């Protein structure tokens, strides 16, 4: 399995997670396993919910990248073999 295929499988798994707390735990584990430094992220449920509220407001204001643009970028980066 190629690196691109593995990355795509990870992305697809993450995309299936609906629970914010599970996603947060997965994120922390991935950062820990890979040894990446990251920006501080909300540690409490209230802070996480506030971050989500801010994100939803940005969506409502149109401060987003269209889905088609994101998909196009990643298809170029991770083409199918």
N, C-alpha and C. Protein backbone atom coordinates (compact mmCIF):
# COMPACT_ATOMS: atom_id res chain seq x y z
N UNK A 1 0.85 -1.16 0.00
CA UNK A 1 0.00 0.00 0.00
C UNK A 1 0.90 1.24 0.00
N UNK A 2 0.60 2.19 -0.88
CA UNK A 2 1.43 3.39 -0.99
C UNK A 2 1.14 4.36 0.16
N UNK A 3 2.03 5.30 0.32
CA UNK A 3 1.86 6.33 1.35
C UNK A 3 0.57 7.11 1.10
N UNK A 4 0.32 7.45 -0.16
CA UNK A 4 -0.90 8.20 -0.49
C UNK A 4 -2.15 7.41 -0.13
N UNK A 5 -2.13 6.10 -0.36
CA UNK A 5 -3.29 5.26 -0.03
C UNK A 5 -3.51 5.22 1.49
N UNK A 6 -2.44 5.10 2.23
CA UNK A 6 -2.55 5.07 3.69
C UNK A 6 -3.11 6.39 4.20
N UNK A 7 -2.59 7.50 3.70
CA UNK A 7 -3.09 8.82 4.11
C UNK A 7 -4.57 8.95 3.80
N UNK A 8 -4.97 8.51 2.62
CA UNK A 8 -6.37 8.60 2.23
C UNK A 8 -7.25 7.75 3.14
N UNK A 9 -6.79 6.56 3.52
CA UNK A 9 -7.56 5.71 4.42
C UNK A 9 -7.71 6.38 5.79
N UNK A 10 -6.65 7.02 6.28
CA UNK A 10 -6.72 7.72 7.56
C UNK A 10 -7.73 8.87 7.47
N UNK A 11 -7.65 9.63 6.39
CA UNK A 11 -8.58 10.75 6.20
C UNK A 11 -10.02 10.25 6.16
N UNK A 12 -10.26 9.16 5.46
CA UNK A 12 -11.62 8.61 5.37
C UNK A 12 -12.12 8.13 6.73
N UNK A 13 -11.25 7.52 7.52
CA UNK A 13 -11.64 7.08 8.86
C UNK A 13 -12.02 8.29 9.72
N UNK A 14 -11.18 9.30 9.69
CA UNK A 14 -11.44 10.50 10.49
C UNK A 14 -12.75 11.15 10.07
N UNK A 15 -13.00 11.17 8.77
CA UNK A 15 -14.21 11.79 8.24
C UNK A 15 -15.48 11.11 8.76
N UNK A 16 -15.39 9.86 9.16
CA UNK A 16 -16.55 9.13 9.65
C UNK A 16 -16.89 9.43 11.11
N UNK A 17 -15.97 10.05 11.84
CA UNK A 17 -16.18 10.34 13.26
C UNK A 17 -17.12 11.53 13.39
N UNK A 18 -18.21 11.33 14.13
CA UNK A 18 -19.19 12.39 14.34
C UNK A 18 -19.05 13.03 15.72
N UNK A 19 -18.57 12.28 16.69
CA UNK A 19 -18.48 12.75 18.07
C UNK A 19 -17.24 13.63 18.24
N UNK A 20 -17.45 14.88 18.68
CA UNK A 20 -16.35 15.83 18.83
C UNK A 20 -15.32 15.36 19.85
N UNK A 21 -15.77 14.73 20.93
CA UNK A 21 -14.82 14.28 21.94
C UNK A 21 -13.94 13.13 21.42
N UNK A 22 -14.54 12.21 20.69
CA UNK A 22 -13.76 11.12 20.10
C UNK A 22 -12.75 11.68 19.11
N UNK A 23 -13.17 12.65 18.32
CA UNK A 23 -12.28 13.26 17.34
C UNK A 23 -11.12 13.96 18.03
N UNK A 24 -11.41 14.63 19.13
CA UNK A 24 -10.38 15.32 19.91
C UNK A 24 -9.36 14.32 20.45
N UNK A 25 -9.83 13.21 20.98
CA UNK A 25 -8.93 12.17 21.51
C UNK A 25 -8.08 11.60 20.39
N UNK A 26 -8.69 11.33 19.25
CA UNK A 26 -7.95 10.79 18.10
C UNK A 26 -6.87 11.78 17.66
N UNK A 27 -7.23 13.05 17.63
CA UNK A 27 -6.28 14.09 17.24
C UNK A 27 -5.08 14.10 18.20
N UNK A 28 -5.36 14.07 19.50
CA UNK A 28 -4.29 14.10 20.49
C UNK A 28 -3.37 12.89 20.33
N UNK A 29 -3.96 11.72 20.10
CA UNK A 29 -3.14 10.51 19.94
C UNK A 29 -2.29 10.60 18.68
N UNK A 30 -2.87 11.08 17.60
CA UNK A 30 -2.12 11.19 16.35
C UNK A 30 -0.96 12.17 16.50
N UNK A 31 -1.20 13.31 17.11
CA UNK A 31 -0.13 14.28 17.35
C UNK A 31 0.95 13.65 18.22
N UNK A 32 0.54 12.91 19.24
CA UNK A 32 1.49 12.27 20.14
C UNK A 32 2.33 11.20 19.40
N UNK A 33 1.66 10.36 18.64
CA UNK A 33 2.36 9.29 17.92
C UNK A 33 3.35 9.86 16.91
N UNK A 34 2.93 10.90 16.19
CA UNK A 34 3.78 11.47 15.15
C UNK A 34 4.80 12.46 15.68
N UNK A 35 4.63 12.87 16.93
CA UNK A 35 5.59 13.77 17.55
C UNK A 35 5.52 15.19 17.03
N UNK A 36 4.38 15.59 16.49
CA UNK A 36 4.23 16.94 15.98
C UNK A 36 3.92 17.92 17.10
N UNK A 37 4.49 19.10 16.96
CA UNK A 37 4.10 20.20 17.83
C UNK A 37 2.85 20.79 17.19
N UNK A 38 1.94 21.23 17.98
CA UNK A 38 0.74 21.82 17.40
C UNK A 38 0.34 23.04 18.20
N UNK A 39 -0.52 23.85 17.60
CA UNK A 39 -1.06 24.98 18.33
C UNK A 39 -1.84 24.43 19.51
N UNK A 40 -1.86 25.17 20.58
CA UNK A 40 -2.70 24.72 21.69
C UNK A 40 -4.15 24.61 21.22
N UNK A 41 -4.80 23.53 21.59
CA UNK A 41 -6.20 23.38 21.22
C UNK A 41 -7.03 23.34 22.50
N UNK A 42 -8.29 23.66 22.39
CA UNK A 42 -9.13 23.72 23.60
C UNK A 42 -9.07 22.42 24.40
N UNK A 43 -8.91 22.54 25.69
CA UNK A 43 -8.79 21.37 26.53
C UNK A 43 -10.08 21.03 27.25
N UNK A 44 -11.00 21.98 27.31
CA UNK A 44 -12.25 21.71 28.00
C UNK A 44 -13.38 21.60 27.00
N UNK A 45 -14.42 20.94 27.40
CA UNK A 45 -15.59 20.78 26.53
C UNK A 45 -16.16 22.15 26.16
N UNK A 46 -16.23 23.08 27.13
CA UNK A 46 -16.76 24.42 26.86
C UNK A 46 -15.92 25.14 25.81
N UNK A 47 -14.60 25.05 25.94
CA UNK A 47 -13.71 25.71 24.98
C UNK A 47 -13.85 25.07 23.60
N UNK A 48 -14.00 23.76 23.57
CA UNK A 48 -14.18 23.06 22.30
C UNK A 48 -15.49 23.48 21.64
N UNK A 49 -16.55 23.57 22.42
CA UNK A 49 -17.84 23.99 21.89
C UNK A 49 -17.76 25.43 21.38
N UNK A 50 -17.03 26.29 22.07
CA UNK A 50 -16.86 27.67 21.61
C UNK A 50 -16.12 27.70 20.28
N UNK A 51 -15.09 26.87 20.14
CA UNK A 51 -14.37 26.78 18.87
C UNK A 51 -15.29 26.33 17.74
N UNK A 52 -16.16 25.38 18.05
CA UNK A 52 -17.12 24.91 17.04
C UNK A 52 -18.11 26.01 16.68
N UNK A 53 -18.56 26.79 17.66
CA UNK A 53 -19.47 27.91 17.37
C UNK A 53 -18.80 28.93 16.45
N UNK A 54 -17.54 29.23 16.71
CA UNK A 54 -16.79 30.17 15.88
C UNK A 54 -16.67 29.62 14.45
N UNK A 55 -16.38 28.34 14.36
CA UNK A 55 -16.26 27.71 13.04
C UNK A 55 -17.57 27.76 12.27
N UNK A 56 -18.66 27.49 12.94
CA UNK A 56 -19.96 27.53 12.28
C UNK A 56 -20.29 28.96 11.82
N UNK A 57 -19.90 29.95 12.60
CA UNK A 57 -20.13 31.34 12.20
C UNK A 57 -19.32 31.65 10.94
N UNK A 58 -18.09 31.15 10.87
CA UNK A 58 -17.26 31.36 9.69
C UNK A 58 -17.92 30.71 8.46
N UNK A 59 -18.52 29.56 8.64
CA UNK A 59 -19.22 28.89 7.54
C UNK A 59 -20.38 29.77 7.08
N UNK A 60 -21.16 30.27 8.03
CA UNK A 60 -22.30 31.12 7.69
C UNK A 60 -21.87 32.38 6.96
N UNK A 61 -20.70 32.91 7.29
CA UNK A 61 -20.18 34.12 6.65
C UNK A 61 -19.47 33.82 5.33
N UNK A 62 -19.42 32.55 4.95
CA UNK A 62 -18.79 32.19 3.68
C UNK A 62 -17.27 32.16 3.72
N UNK A 63 -16.70 32.13 4.90
CA UNK A 63 -15.24 32.10 5.05
C UNK A 63 -14.76 30.65 5.02
N UNK A 64 -15.01 30.00 3.89
CA UNK A 64 -14.66 28.59 3.74
C UNK A 64 -14.04 28.37 2.36
N UNK A 65 -13.42 27.23 2.18
CA UNK A 65 -12.91 26.82 0.88
C UNK A 65 -13.93 25.83 0.32
N UNK A 66 -14.42 26.07 -0.89
CA UNK A 66 -15.42 25.17 -1.47
C UNK A 66 -14.92 23.72 -1.53
N UNK A 67 -15.82 22.80 -1.30
CA UNK A 67 -15.52 21.37 -1.29
C UNK A 67 -14.80 20.96 -2.58
N UNK A 68 -15.31 21.42 -3.71
CA UNK A 68 -14.73 21.04 -5.00
C UNK A 68 -13.26 21.46 -5.12
N UNK A 69 -12.94 22.62 -4.55
CA UNK A 69 -11.57 23.11 -4.58
C UNK A 69 -10.66 22.22 -3.73
N UNK A 70 -11.13 21.83 -2.57
CA UNK A 70 -10.35 20.96 -1.69
C UNK A 70 -10.14 19.61 -2.34
N UNK A 71 -11.21 19.03 -2.87
CA UNK A 71 -11.12 17.71 -3.51
C UNK A 71 -10.16 17.76 -4.70
N UNK A 72 -10.25 18.81 -5.50
CA UNK A 72 -9.37 18.95 -6.66
C UNK A 72 -7.91 18.97 -6.23
N UNK A 73 -7.63 19.74 -5.18
CA UNK A 73 -6.26 19.83 -4.67
C UNK A 73 -5.74 18.46 -4.23
N UNK A 74 -6.55 17.73 -3.47
CA UNK A 74 -6.09 16.45 -2.94
C UNK A 74 -6.06 15.35 -3.99
N UNK A 75 -6.88 15.45 -5.00
CA UNK A 75 -6.79 14.47 -6.09
C UNK A 75 -5.49 14.65 -6.87
N UNK A 76 -5.04 15.90 -6.98
CA UNK A 76 -3.74 16.15 -7.63
C UNK A 76 -2.60 15.65 -6.75
N UNK A 77 -2.73 15.86 -5.44
CA UNK A 77 -1.68 15.47 -4.51
C UNK A 77 -1.63 13.95 -4.31
N UNK A 78 -2.83 13.32 -4.24
CA UNK A 78 -2.94 11.89 -3.98
C UNK A 78 -3.73 11.21 -5.09
N UNK A 79 -3.16 11.13 -6.28
CA UNK A 79 -3.90 10.49 -7.38
C UNK A 79 -4.04 8.99 -7.16
N UNK A 80 -5.09 8.45 -7.72
CA UNK A 80 -5.25 6.99 -7.66
C UNK A 80 -4.21 6.39 -8.60
N UNK A 81 -3.69 5.25 -8.20
CA UNK A 81 -2.65 4.60 -9.02
C UNK A 81 -3.17 4.14 -10.33
